[in-house]
Amino acid sequence: MITTPSRRQAASALLALAAMMTAGACSVANSGPEPSAGGAAASTVRIVLPEEPPTLEPCDASLTATGRVTRANITEALTERDPGTGELKPALSTEWKQDSPTEWTFTLRKDVKFHDGSAFDAKAAAFSIDRTLNPKVDCNVNGYVFGGIKLTATAVDDVTLKVKTAKADPILPLRLSFVEIVPTTTNATGKVREPVGTGPYKIAKWDAGRSLRLEKYAGYWGKAPEFAAAEYVWRAEGSIRAAMVKSDEADIAVGLAPEDGAGDSAVQFPNNETSYLRIDATKPPLNDIRVRQAINYAIDKDGLVASVFAGLGKSAGQIVPEGVTGHSPAIQPWPYDMNQAKKLIAEAKADGVPTGTAITIIGRNGIYPKAAEAMEVVQNSLMEAGLSVKIQMLDVNAWLEYLLAPFPKDAGPTLLQAQHGNQAGDAAFTMGQIYGSKGAQSSYGTKELDELISTAEQASGAERQAAFAKALEYQNKDVVRDAVLAHMTGILALSKKVTYKPDAATNDEMRLADIHPAG
């Protein structure tokens, strides 16, 4: 167990303490006083989240806690994907064409202003792309979306952007839907906490540990949103989030479980998240494939979905779900077979594998409803199979240190509680970063799998689908780098004062422009 807190962990603890100190006068136990409680203006939509965003840095907007606030609200990209149809649509770019296998031209929207009044142009677009791929900034989007892809972006004139890739990349416009555009005055070598964007809302006030307020940007180029402002607060307990909607302290509460008591305000929706355990296959006993196989056999995924997740979800065998290019119908969830798990652990132990070495489950509070309970079920199953397992639940900032490379060196063998949402609809946004040897979220890879991923990334059409499916099947059979648990179903609570239709992208980007006053 890690006992020395990092600076991230210390900062997270201070924020939590600040939140606790302000949680006295409230109508819902432990919910804290709301800026909007007791007569909020009808022009403000009030949203309660499971956790405070760790940052609003645009190049980390592929992280759920950041992206659900930042993407398409504060900042925008050149392109955007329709979550319902998968179609790629114009955003800050009105059109694009492929000039050659490695060259693209983007025509940019005219008369767009950033929140600071500066003009959006091709120089800003090229700067934002370069910044996102700059290793000094260490952007999550760089690893998640680009995974080592080399490219150059050049401003031809104010409204024309040329992008050239080192290798053929048939989905470059889709990749660029994750590059949030910022002005050239943004720090080019370090992250920013509060960005300037072109979106329909700008940051008004971030009271750390308490609330975040966005206000409508009067100079927005597109259709003006209906709400003048959005107020975000965060409460770890799902029952409190649900109660805040029922008591008119919030209009929308996300990340709920069936038992949280949302009642008639509950709305279920299929999200694109898949829960899984990332296995650190570099450290014993997890470096033995028999132990990794045993972990998969020991977890009763159907039972987990039925009990802890209350039937909301579907047991899964791969983190690329149906509807995403590269999904393999041949991969089924690992069957629950405790006898086989025990047999594999015993065989490994007999061959000298230190199966008694303590394995730590690194969990994340609020990653999905009943996250801690889910890990307790996993812990019990793995201990029954013959492994030594303990749990360490962390808040998002401390947990990120284990999600993103380089990982803590003194952690020992770990299983990371994680969740992956492929909102882009292509396995390229999963395979390299999660399973590649040098992936931003990868704890282990092989040369063979790297080659399969590389081949798939350069393919198109039916060949692309088949190549990614082959890579996934190889991973499942010959690498076994994780234990996939379930494709998840989301629940949010919606007050009668607002209308909003959640979709597959809601967990990753909740567009305020899609939220409307009821009636």
Protein backbone atom coordinates (compact mmCIF):
# COMPACT_ATOMS: atom_id res chain seq x y z
CA MET A 1 0.00 0.00 0.00
CA ILE A 2 1.24 3.52 -0.82
CA THR A 3 1.51 5.45 2.42
CA THR A 4 3.30 8.61 1.29
CA PRO A 5 0.85 10.98 -0.42
CA SER A 6 1.88 12.67 -3.66
CA ARG A 7 1.28 16.35 -4.31
CA ARG A 8 -1.80 15.37 -6.29
CA GLN A 9 -3.10 13.31 -3.40
CA ALA A 10 -2.39 16.09 -0.92
CA ALA A 11 -4.19 18.63 -3.07
CA SER A 12 -7.14 16.29 -3.45
CA ALA A 13 -7.30 15.81 0.31
CA LEU A 14 -7.27 19.57 0.91
CA LEU A 15 -10.12 20.04 -1.54
CA ALA A 16 -12.11 17.30 0.15
CA LEU A 17 -11.47 18.91 3.55
CA ALA A 18 -12.63 22.25 2.24
CA ALA A 19 -15.82 20.67 0.94
CA MET A 20 -16.48 19.00 4.29
CA MET A 21 -15.99 22.24 6.20
CA THR A 22 -18.66 23.95 4.12
CA ALA A 23 -21.22 21.17 4.38
CA GLY A 24 -23.14 22.33 7.42
CA ALA A 25 -26.25 24.32 6.53
CA CYS A 26 -28.25 22.27 4.05
CA SER A 27 -31.67 20.76 3.49
CA VAL A 28 -30.24 17.45 2.30
CA ALA A 29 -27.90 15.78 4.77
CA ASN A 30 -24.25 16.39 3.88
CA SER A 31 -25.11 17.97 0.54
CA GLY A 32 -23.74 21.39 1.44
CA PRO A 33 -25.28 24.81 0.81
CA GLU A 34 -25.98 25.38 -2.85
CA PRO A 35 -25.41 28.68 -4.60
CA SER A 36 -28.66 27.93 -6.42
CA ALA A 37 -30.71 26.74 -3.43
CA GLY A 38 -33.47 28.87 -2.03
CA GLY A 39 -34.55 30.65 -5.20
CA ALA A 40 -32.14 30.05 -8.04
CA ALA A 41 -32.66 32.03 -11.20
CA ALA A 42 -34.65 30.07 -13.79
CA SER A 43 -31.92 30.90 -16.28
CA THR A 44 -29.37 28.70 -14.48
CA VAL A 45 -29.27 24.95 -14.98
CA ARG A 46 -27.94 23.17 -11.88
CA ILE A 47 -25.96 19.95 -12.32
CA VAL A 48 -24.58 17.76 -9.54
CA LEU A 49 -21.62 15.50 -10.40
CA PRO A 50 -20.05 12.54 -8.55
CA GLU A 51 -16.69 14.34 -8.37
CA GLU A 52 -15.07 17.69 -9.00
CA PRO A 53 -13.28 17.93 -12.36
CA PRO A 54 -9.56 17.48 -11.67
CA THR A 55 -8.93 20.17 -14.30
CA LEU A 56 -10.64 21.78 -17.27
CA GLU A 57 -7.47 21.47 -19.36
CA PRO A 58 -8.74 20.99 -22.93
CA CYS A 59 -6.14 18.40 -23.92
CA ASP A 60 -7.32 16.21 -21.02
CA ALA A 61 -10.95 16.40 -22.16
CA SER A 62 -10.88 12.69 -23.06
CA LEU A 63 -11.02 12.06 -19.29
CA THR A 64 -14.66 11.70 -18.25
CA ALA A 65 -14.58 14.07 -15.27
CA THR A 66 -13.03 16.81 -17.42
CA GLY A 67 -14.73 16.16 -20.76
CA ARG A 68 -18.30 16.16 -19.43
CA VAL A 69 -17.81 19.83 -18.49
CA THR A 70 -15.31 21.06 -21.09
CA ARG A 71 -16.14 19.46 -24.43
CA ALA A 72 -18.55 21.42 -26.66
CA ASN A 73 -19.35 23.72 -23.73
CA ILE A 74 -16.16 25.71 -23.06
CA THR A 75 -14.03 24.50 -25.96
CA GLU A 76 -14.77 23.05 -29.39
CA ALA A 77 -12.95 20.95 -31.97
CA LEU A 78 -12.66 21.12 -35.74
CA THR A 79 -15.04 18.18 -36.16
CA GLU A 80 -17.59 16.39 -34.00
CA ARG A 81 -19.12 12.92 -34.08
CA ASP A 82 -22.87 12.38 -33.86
CA PRO A 83 -23.23 9.76 -31.07
CA GLY A 84 -26.43 8.43 -32.59
CA THR A 85 -25.36 7.91 -36.20
CA GLY A 86 -21.58 7.90 -35.92
CA GLU A 87 -21.47 10.54 -38.65
CA LEU A 88 -18.65 13.07 -38.51
CA LYS A 89 -20.01 16.60 -38.67
CA PRO A 90 -18.55 20.10 -39.07
CA ALA A 91 -17.72 22.14 -35.97
CA LEU A 92 -14.97 24.77 -36.19
CA SER A 93 -14.12 23.28 -39.57
CA THR A 94 -16.83 23.48 -42.25
CA GLU A 95 -15.34 20.92 -44.62
CA TRP A 96 -12.28 18.74 -45.16
CA LYS A 97 -10.76 16.66 -47.94
CA GLN A 98 -7.99 14.12 -48.29
CA ASP A 99 -5.42 15.32 -50.81
CA SER A 100 -3.28 12.17 -50.57
CA PRO A 101 -2.99 9.19 -48.20
CA THR A 102 -0.96 11.40 -45.83
CA GLU A 103 -2.33 14.91 -46.48
CA TRP A 104 -5.58 16.63 -45.53
CA THR A 105 -6.99 20.12 -46.04
CA PHE A 106 -9.49 21.66 -43.59
CA THR A 107 -11.55 24.74 -44.38
CA LEU A 108 -12.25 26.65 -41.17
CA ARG A 109 -15.30 28.56 -40.04
CA LYS A 110 -15.09 32.33 -40.41
CA ASP A 111 -15.92 35.05 -37.87
CA VAL A 112 -15.40 32.89 -34.76
CA LYS A 113 -14.06 34.54 -31.61
CA PHE A 114 -12.46 33.08 -28.50
CA HIS A 115 -13.82 34.08 -25.11
CA ASP A 116 -10.98 36.60 -24.75
CA GLY A 117 -12.06 38.35 -27.96
CA SER A 118 -9.21 37.07 -30.14
CA ALA A 119 -9.99 35.57 -33.53
CA PHE A 120 -10.08 31.86 -34.25
CA ASP A 121 -8.03 31.08 -37.34
CA ALA A 122 -5.78 28.44 -38.86
CA LYS A 123 -2.84 29.55 -36.71
CA ALA A 124 -4.88 28.80 -33.58
CA ALA A 125 -5.92 25.43 -35.00
CA ALA A 126 -2.33 24.48 -35.86
CA PHE A 127 -1.14 25.69 -32.45
CA SER A 128 -3.78 23.60 -30.65
CA ILE A 129 -2.82 20.46 -32.57
CA ASP A 130 0.89 21.01 -31.91
CA ARG A 131 0.22 21.70 -28.23
CA THR A 132 -1.88 18.56 -27.83
CA LEU A 133 0.91 16.43 -29.29
CA ASN A 134 3.69 18.18 -27.37
CA PRO A 135 5.18 15.64 -24.92
CA LYS A 136 6.04 18.48 -22.53
CA VAL A 137 2.33 19.16 -21.99
CA ASP A 138 1.66 15.44 -21.39
CA CYS A 139 -1.89 15.53 -22.73
CA ASN A 140 -4.15 12.53 -22.16
CA VAL A 141 -5.61 13.11 -25.64
CA ASN A 142 -2.16 12.60 -27.14
CA GLY A 143 -1.90 9.04 -25.84
CA TYR A 144 -5.60 8.22 -26.07
CA VAL A 145 -6.26 9.55 -29.57
CA PHE A 146 -2.93 9.75 -31.37
CA GLY A 147 -0.79 7.10 -29.66
CA GLY A 148 2.52 8.16 -31.12
CA ILE A 149 1.23 9.21 -34.56
CA LYS A 150 3.50 11.83 -36.13
CA LEU A 151 1.90 14.78 -37.92
CA THR A 152 2.43 18.42 -38.79
CA ALA A 153 -0.24 21.13 -38.96
CA THR A 154 0.32 24.23 -41.07
CA ALA A 155 -1.76 27.39 -41.48
CA VAL A 156 -1.98 28.16 -45.21
CA ASP A 157 -4.12 31.25 -44.62
CA ASP A 158 -6.67 32.34 -42.00
CA VAL A 159 -9.25 29.74 -43.02
CA THR A 160 -7.14 26.94 -44.52
CA LEU A 161 -5.31 24.32 -42.48
CA LYS A 162 -3.06 21.61 -43.92
CA VAL A 163 -2.34 18.49 -41.86
CA LYS A 164 0.27 15.98 -42.98
CA THR A 165 0.79 12.60 -41.30
CA ALA A 166 3.94 10.47 -41.40
CA LYS A 167 1.86 7.42 -42.30
CA ALA A 168 -1.52 7.01 -43.97
CA ASP A 169 -4.27 7.75 -41.45
CA PRO A 170 -7.77 7.24 -42.87
CA ILE A 171 -9.50 8.54 -39.73
CA LEU A 172 -7.52 11.74 -39.11
CA PRO A 173 -10.65 13.99 -39.15
CA LEU A 174 -12.15 11.75 -36.47
CA ARG A 175 -8.99 12.00 -34.36
CA LEU A 176 -9.10 15.79 -34.61
CA SER A 177 -12.59 15.77 -33.05
CA PHE A 178 -10.70 15.31 -29.76
CA VAL A 179 -8.36 18.28 -30.19
CA GLU A 180 -10.05 21.15 -28.38
CA ILE A 181 -9.08 24.47 -29.96
CA VAL A 182 -7.49 27.20 -27.82
CA PRO A 183 -5.90 30.58 -28.66
CA THR A 184 -2.18 30.88 -29.37
CA THR A 185 -1.76 32.76 -26.07
CA THR A 186 -2.35 29.48 -24.18
CA ASN A 187 0.66 27.96 -22.41
CA ALA A 188 2.36 25.87 -25.11
CA THR A 189 4.46 23.70 -22.79
CA GLY A 190 2.27 23.24 -19.70
CA LYS A 191 -1.33 22.61 -18.73
CA VAL A 192 -3.90 25.25 -17.82
CA ARG A 193 -6.63 24.74 -15.25
CA GLU A 194 -9.16 27.19 -16.71
CA PRO A 195 -9.04 27.37 -20.51
CA VAL A 196 -10.24 29.96 -23.02
CA GLY A 197 -12.31 28.47 -25.81
CA THR A 198 -14.83 29.24 -28.54
CA GLY A 199 -17.75 27.36 -26.98
CA PRO A 200 -21.20 28.64 -26.03
CA TYR A 201 -20.14 29.01 -22.36
CA LYS A 202 -17.15 30.54 -20.64
CA ILE A 203 -15.84 30.02 -17.12
CA ALA A 204 -17.28 32.55 -14.69
CA LYS A 205 -16.03 31.25 -11.33
CA TRP A 206 -14.46 28.08 -10.03
CA ASP A 207 -14.68 27.91 -6.26
CA ALA A 208 -12.36 24.96 -5.66
CA GLY A 209 -13.95 22.18 -3.64
CA ARG A 210 -17.37 23.80 -3.79
CA SER A 211 -18.81 24.80 -7.17
CA LEU A 212 -18.09 25.73 -10.77
CA ARG A 213 -20.12 28.30 -12.70
CA LEU A 214 -20.21 28.75 -16.47
CA GLU A 215 -21.95 31.67 -18.15
CA LYS A 216 -23.23 32.08 -21.67
CA TYR A 217 -20.72 33.61 -24.07
CA ALA A 218 -22.43 36.53 -25.82
CA GLY A 219 -20.06 36.38 -28.79
CA TYR A 220 -20.73 32.72 -29.61
CA TRP A 221 -20.71 32.02 -33.36
CA GLY A 222 -23.49 29.42 -33.30
CA LYS A 223 -27.01 29.15 -31.95
CA ALA A 224 -27.19 30.61 -28.45
CA PRO A 225 -28.02 28.07 -25.71
CA GLU A 226 -31.23 28.62 -23.75
CA PHE A 227 -29.75 28.72 -20.24
CA ALA A 228 -27.80 31.83 -19.31
CA ALA A 229 -25.58 29.89 -16.92
CA ALA A 230 -24.71 26.44 -15.62
CA GLU A 231 -23.84 25.71 -11.99
CA TYR A 232 -21.93 22.50 -11.21
CA VAL A 233 -21.51 21.04 -7.73
CA TRP A 234 -20.29 17.59 -6.71
CA ARG A 235 -21.38 15.07 -4.11
CA ALA A 236 -19.80 11.64 -3.75
CA GLU A 237 -22.96 9.88 -2.48
CA GLY A 238 -25.40 8.93 -5.23
CA SER A 239 -28.37 9.04 -2.86
CA ILE A 240 -27.56 12.67 -2.04
CA ARG A 241 -27.27 13.57 -5.72
CA ALA A 242 -30.66 11.99 -6.40
CA ALA A 243 -32.22 13.71 -3.37
CA MET A 244 -30.95 17.08 -4.55
CA VAL A 245 -33.02 16.74 -7.72
CA LYS A 246 -36.09 15.62 -5.80
CA SER A 247 -35.76 18.55 -3.36
CA ASP A 248 -35.18 21.10 -6.16
CA GLU A 249 -31.56 21.76 -5.27
CA ALA A 250 -30.39 20.48 -8.65
CA ASP A 251 -31.86 19.95 -12.09
CA ILE A 252 -29.67 17.04 -13.22
CA ALA A 253 -27.75 14.43 -11.21
CA VAL A 254 -25.43 11.99 -13.01
CA GLY A 255 -23.79 8.68 -12.16
CA LEU A 256 -26.67 7.17 -10.20
CA ALA A 257 -27.48 3.63 -9.13
CA PRO A 258 -30.98 2.12 -8.93
CA GLU A 259 -30.94 2.16 -5.12
CA ASP A 260 -30.11 5.87 -4.97
CA GLY A 261 -33.82 6.65 -4.89
CA ALA A 262 -34.25 8.93 -7.89
CA GLY A 263 -37.78 7.60 -8.35
CA ASP A 264 -39.77 9.19 -11.16
CA SER A 265 -36.87 11.49 -11.98
CA ALA A 266 -34.62 8.57 -13.01
CA VAL A 267 -33.72 8.22 -16.69
CA GLN A 268 -31.86 5.14 -17.93
CA PHE A 269 -29.68 5.29 -21.03
CA PRO A 270 -27.12 3.04 -22.74
CA ASN A 271 -23.72 4.68 -22.36
CA ASN A 272 -20.52 3.65 -24.11
CA GLU A 273 -18.60 2.71 -20.96
CA THR A 274 -17.07 -0.68 -20.28
CA SER A 275 -15.77 -1.47 -16.80
CA TYR A 276 -12.62 -3.56 -16.49
CA LEU A 277 -9.59 -4.33 -14.35
CA ARG A 278 -6.21 -3.47 -15.86
CA ILE A 279 -3.72 -6.15 -14.84
CA ASP A 280 -0.13 -5.06 -14.24
CA ALA A 281 1.40 -7.97 -16.13
CA THR A 282 4.98 -6.81 -15.54
CA LYS A 283 5.14 -7.85 -11.87
CA PRO A 284 4.84 -11.27 -10.22
CA PRO A 285 2.57 -13.05 -9.77
CA LEU A 286 0.64 -11.15 -12.46
CA ASN A 287 3.42 -11.66 -15.02
CA ASP A 288 2.35 -15.30 -15.33
CA ILE A 289 -0.44 -15.70 -17.89
CA ARG A 290 -2.01 -18.50 -15.85
CA VAL A 291 -2.60 -16.07 -13.00
CA ARG A 292 -4.18 -13.56 -15.39
CA GLN A 293 -6.39 -16.28 -16.82
CA ALA A 294 -7.35 -17.36 -13.31
CA ILE A 295 -8.42 -13.81 -12.45
CA ASN A 296 -10.81 -13.87 -15.40
CA TYR A 297 -12.22 -17.28 -14.49
CA ALA A 298 -12.66 -16.34 -10.82
CA ILE A 299 -14.91 -13.30 -11.37
CA ASP A 300 -18.62 -14.06 -11.72
CA LYS A 301 -19.47 -11.24 -14.15
CA ASP A 302 -23.14 -12.19 -14.52
CA GLY A 303 -23.48 -12.24 -10.74
CA LEU A 304 -21.72 -8.90 -10.45
CA VAL A 305 -24.11 -7.29 -12.95
CA ALA A 306 -27.15 -8.87 -11.34
CA SER A 307 -26.25 -7.94 -7.75
CA VAL A 308 -23.95 -4.94 -7.47
CA PHE A 309 -25.09 -3.28 -10.71
CA ALA A 310 -28.73 -4.26 -10.11
CA GLY A 311 -29.11 -5.65 -13.60
CA LEU A 312 -28.02 -2.42 -15.29
CA GLY A 313 -25.42 -3.56 -17.76
CA LYS A 314 -24.25 -6.67 -19.57
CA SER A 315 -21.29 -8.90 -18.81
CA ALA A 316 -18.49 -8.28 -21.28
CA GLY A 317 -15.44 -9.97 -22.75
CA GLN A 318 -13.83 -7.01 -24.53
CA ILE A 319 -13.64 -3.26 -23.96
CA VAL A 320 -14.67 -2.50 -27.55
CA PRO A 321 -18.48 -2.79 -27.51
CA GLU A 322 -20.90 -3.51 -30.33
CA GLY A 323 -21.28 -0.61 -32.73
CA VAL A 324 -17.61 0.33 -32.56
CA THR A 325 -15.37 -0.48 -35.53
CA GLY A 326 -13.18 -3.41 -34.51
CA HIS A 327 -15.58 -5.15 -32.13
CA SER A 328 -15.17 -8.91 -32.40
CA PRO A 329 -18.36 -11.00 -32.12
CA ALA A 330 -16.10 -14.02 -31.59
CA ILE A 331 -15.03 -12.78 -28.14
CA GLN A 332 -17.43 -13.79 -25.39
CA PRO A 333 -17.17 -13.02 -21.65
CA TRP A 334 -14.86 -15.39 -19.80
CA PRO A 335 -17.01 -18.06 -18.15
CA TYR A 336 -17.19 -18.16 -14.38
CA ASP A 337 -15.23 -21.25 -13.34
CA MET A 338 -13.79 -21.10 -9.83
CA ASN A 339 -12.42 -24.64 -10.05
CA GLN A 340 -10.41 -23.75 -13.15
CA ALA A 341 -9.18 -20.56 -11.45
CA LYS A 342 -7.96 -22.52 -8.43
CA LYS A 343 -6.30 -25.09 -10.68
CA LEU A 344 -4.36 -22.43 -12.63
CA ILE A 345 -3.22 -20.70 -9.43
CA ALA A 346 -2.09 -24.03 -7.98
CA GLU A 347 -0.14 -24.87 -11.15
CA ALA A 348 1.58 -21.49 -11.13
CA LYS A 349 2.43 -21.86 -7.44
CA ALA A 350 3.89 -25.31 -8.02
CA ASP A 351 6.16 -23.82 -10.69
CA GLY A 352 7.54 -21.25 -8.26
CA VAL A 353 5.30 -18.28 -9.09
CA PRO A 354 4.88 -16.23 -5.86
CA THR A 355 1.09 -16.43 -5.80
CA GLY A 356 1.06 -15.34 -2.15
CA THR A 357 2.44 -11.88 -3.00
CA ALA A 358 -0.11 -9.25 -2.04
CA ILE A 359 -1.92 -7.74 -5.05
CA THR A 360 -3.49 -4.30 -4.59
CA ILE A 361 -6.73 -3.34 -6.29
CA ILE A 362 -6.43 0.38 -7.00
CA GLY A 363 -10.05 1.53 -7.01
CA ARG A 364 -11.57 4.91 -7.76
CA ASN A 365 -14.37 6.43 -5.71
CA GLY A 366 -17.32 7.40 -7.90
CA ILE A 367 -16.04 5.85 -11.12
CA TYR A 368 -19.44 4.18 -11.35
CA PRO A 369 -22.20 3.47 -8.82
CA LYS A 370 -21.18 1.12 -5.99
CA ALA A 371 -17.57 1.12 -7.17
CA ALA A 372 -16.18 0.04 -3.79
CA GLU A 373 -18.74 -2.76 -3.43
CA ALA A 374 -17.81 -4.08 -6.86
CA MET A 375 -14.15 -4.28 -5.88
CA GLU A 376 -15.03 -6.06 -2.65
CA VAL A 377 -16.82 -8.73 -4.69
CA VAL A 378 -13.75 -9.06 -6.93
CA GLN A 379 -11.44 -9.22 -3.92
CA ASN A 380 -13.44 -12.04 -2.32
CA SER A 381 -13.47 -14.01 -5.58
CA LEU A 382 -9.72 -13.70 -6.15
CA MET A 383 -8.93 -14.65 -2.56
CA GLU A 384 -11.13 -17.72 -2.91
CA ALA A 385 -9.11 -18.63 -6.01
CA GLY A 386 -5.92 -18.55 -3.94
CA LEU A 387 -4.52 -15.04 -4.35
CA SER A 388 -3.73 -12.43 -1.69
CA VAL A 389 -5.64 -9.24 -2.49
CA LYS A 390 -6.18 -5.91 -0.77
CA ILE A 391 -8.11 -2.79 -1.86
CA GLN A 392 -7.05 0.85 -1.94
CA MET A 393 -9.85 3.23 -2.96
CA LEU A 394 -8.66 6.64 -4.21
CA ASP A 395 -10.22 9.88 -5.38
CA VAL A 396 -9.79 10.83 -9.03
CA ASN A 397 -6.58 12.89 -8.75
CA ALA A 398 -4.63 10.18 -6.91
CA TRP A 399 -6.15 7.45 -9.10
CA LEU A 400 -4.94 9.24 -12.26
CA GLU A 401 -1.37 8.60 -11.18
CA TYR A 402 -2.04 4.88 -11.72
CA LEU A 403 -4.11 5.31 -14.89
CA LEU A 404 -1.55 7.30 -16.87
CA ALA A 405 2.08 6.40 -17.52
CA PRO A 406 4.59 6.68 -15.98
CA PHE A 407 3.05 4.69 -13.14
CA PRO A 408 4.22 4.75 -9.49
CA LYS A 409 7.29 2.53 -9.27
CA ASP A 410 6.81 1.29 -5.72
CA ALA A 411 3.20 0.16 -6.03
CA GLY A 412 3.83 -3.57 -6.30
CA PRO A 413 1.52 -5.77 -8.40
CA THR A 414 -1.78 -3.96 -9.03
CA LEU A 415 -5.20 -4.36 -10.58
CA LEU A 416 -6.58 -0.98 -11.62
CA GLN A 417 -10.32 -0.43 -11.48
CA ALA A 418 -10.99 1.37 -14.76
CA GLN A 419 -13.72 2.26 -17.21
CA HIS A 420 -13.30 2.91 -20.91
CA GLY A 421 -15.72 4.75 -23.15
CA ASN A 422 -15.01 4.65 -26.86
CA GLN A 423 -17.08 7.69 -27.79
CA ALA A 424 -15.29 8.02 -31.12
CA GLY A 425 -16.60 4.73 -32.48
CA ASP A 426 -13.32 3.22 -33.70
CA ALA A 427 -11.00 0.73 -32.00
CA ALA A 428 -8.02 2.94 -32.84
CA PHE A 429 -9.02 5.01 -29.81
CA THR A 430 -8.78 1.93 -27.61
CA MET A 431 -6.08 -0.39 -28.82
CA GLY A 432 -2.94 1.74 -28.97
CA GLN A 433 -3.39 3.62 -25.72
CA ILE A 434 -4.67 0.69 -23.67
CA TYR A 435 -2.90 -2.34 -25.17
CA GLY A 436 0.09 -0.95 -27.05
CA SER A 437 3.52 -1.42 -25.46
CA LYS A 438 3.95 2.36 -25.23
CA GLY A 439 0.29 3.26 -24.69
CA ALA A 440 -0.52 6.08 -22.28
CA GLN A 441 -2.73 3.75 -20.22
CA SER A 442 -0.96 0.48 -20.94
CA SER A 443 0.74 -1.54 -18.23
CA TYR A 444 1.95 -4.24 -20.63
CA GLY A 445 2.17 -5.01 -24.34
CA THR A 446 3.85 -7.36 -26.79
CA LYS A 447 5.63 -6.88 -30.11
CA GLU A 448 3.11 -9.13 -31.86
CA LEU A 449 0.13 -7.16 -30.55
CA ASP A 450 1.81 -3.86 -31.43
CA GLU A 451 2.20 -5.05 -35.03
CA LEU A 452 -1.43 -6.14 -35.24
CA ILE A 453 -2.58 -2.76 -33.92
CA SER A 454 -0.34 -0.85 -36.35
CA THR A 455 -1.68 -2.84 -39.31
CA ALA A 456 -5.28 -2.16 -38.28
CA GLU A 457 -4.72 1.56 -37.77
CA GLN A 458 -3.64 1.99 -41.40
CA ALA A 459 -6.45 -0.09 -42.91
CA SER A 460 -9.83 1.14 -44.16
CA GLY A 461 -13.34 -0.22 -44.47
CA ALA A 462 -13.91 -3.94 -44.02
CA GLU A 463 -10.17 -4.58 -43.75
CA ARG A 464 -9.98 -2.19 -40.80
CA GLN A 465 -12.82 -3.97 -39.00
CA ALA A 466 -11.26 -7.38 -39.55
CA ALA A 467 -7.76 -6.25 -38.54
CA PHE A 468 -8.85 -4.70 -35.25
CA ALA A 469 -11.03 -7.72 -34.45
CA LYS A 470 -7.98 -9.93 -35.03
CA ALA A 471 -5.90 -7.78 -32.66
CA LEU A 472 -8.59 -7.98 -29.98
CA GLU A 473 -8.86 -11.74 -30.35
CA TYR A 474 -5.08 -12.10 -30.02
CA GLN A 475 -5.13 -9.96 -26.89
CA ASN A 476 -7.91 -12.03 -25.36
CA LYS A 477 -6.24 -15.37 -26.06
CA ASP A 478 -2.48 -14.79 -25.95
CA VAL A 479 -1.92 -11.66 -23.83
CA VAL A 480 -4.83 -11.47 -21.32
CA ARG A 481 -3.83 -8.02 -20.11
CA ASP A 482 -7.10 -7.30 -18.35
CA ALA A 483 -10.29 -8.66 -16.87
CA VAL A 484 -13.26 -7.06 -18.62
CA LEU A 485 -16.34 -6.89 -16.41
CA ALA A 486 -19.37 -5.28 -18.04
CA HIS A 487 -20.78 -2.92 -20.62
CA MET A 488 -22.53 -0.36 -18.43
CA THR A 489 -25.92 1.32 -18.40
CA GLY A 490 -26.21 4.86 -17.11
CA ILE A 491 -28.79 6.49 -14.86
CA LEU A 492 -29.31 10.18 -14.31
CA ALA A 493 -32.00 12.11 -12.46
CA LEU A 494 -33.84 14.85 -14.29
CA SER A 495 -36.04 17.47 -12.69
CA LYS A 496 -39.37 18.42 -14.23
CA LYS A 497 -38.00 21.91 -14.85
CA VAL A 498 -35.68 20.79 -17.65
CA THR A 499 -35.74 18.51 -20.67
CA TYR A 500 -32.69 16.56 -21.78
CA LYS A 501 -32.27 13.33 -23.75
CA PRO A 502 -29.09 11.49 -22.72
CA ASP A 503 -27.21 9.48 -25.33
CA ALA A 504 -24.13 7.28 -25.65
CA ALA A 505 -21.86 10.32 -25.27
CA THR A 506 -23.52 11.78 -22.16
CA ASN A 507 -21.04 10.30 -19.71
CA ASP A 508 -18.13 11.89 -21.57
CA GLU A 509 -19.60 15.16 -22.79
CA MET A 510 -22.83 16.63 -21.45
CA ARG A 511 -23.69 19.41 -23.88
CA LEU A 512 -25.40 22.26 -22.10
CA ALA A 513 -26.92 23.43 -25.40
CA ASP A 514 -28.95 20.18 -25.43
CA ILE A 515 -30.54 21.00 -22.07
CA HIS A 516 -33.72 23.06 -22.29
CA PRO A 517 -36.19 24.62 -19.83
CA ALA A 518 -39.33 22.47 -19.64
CA GLY A 519 -42.45 23.82 -21.21
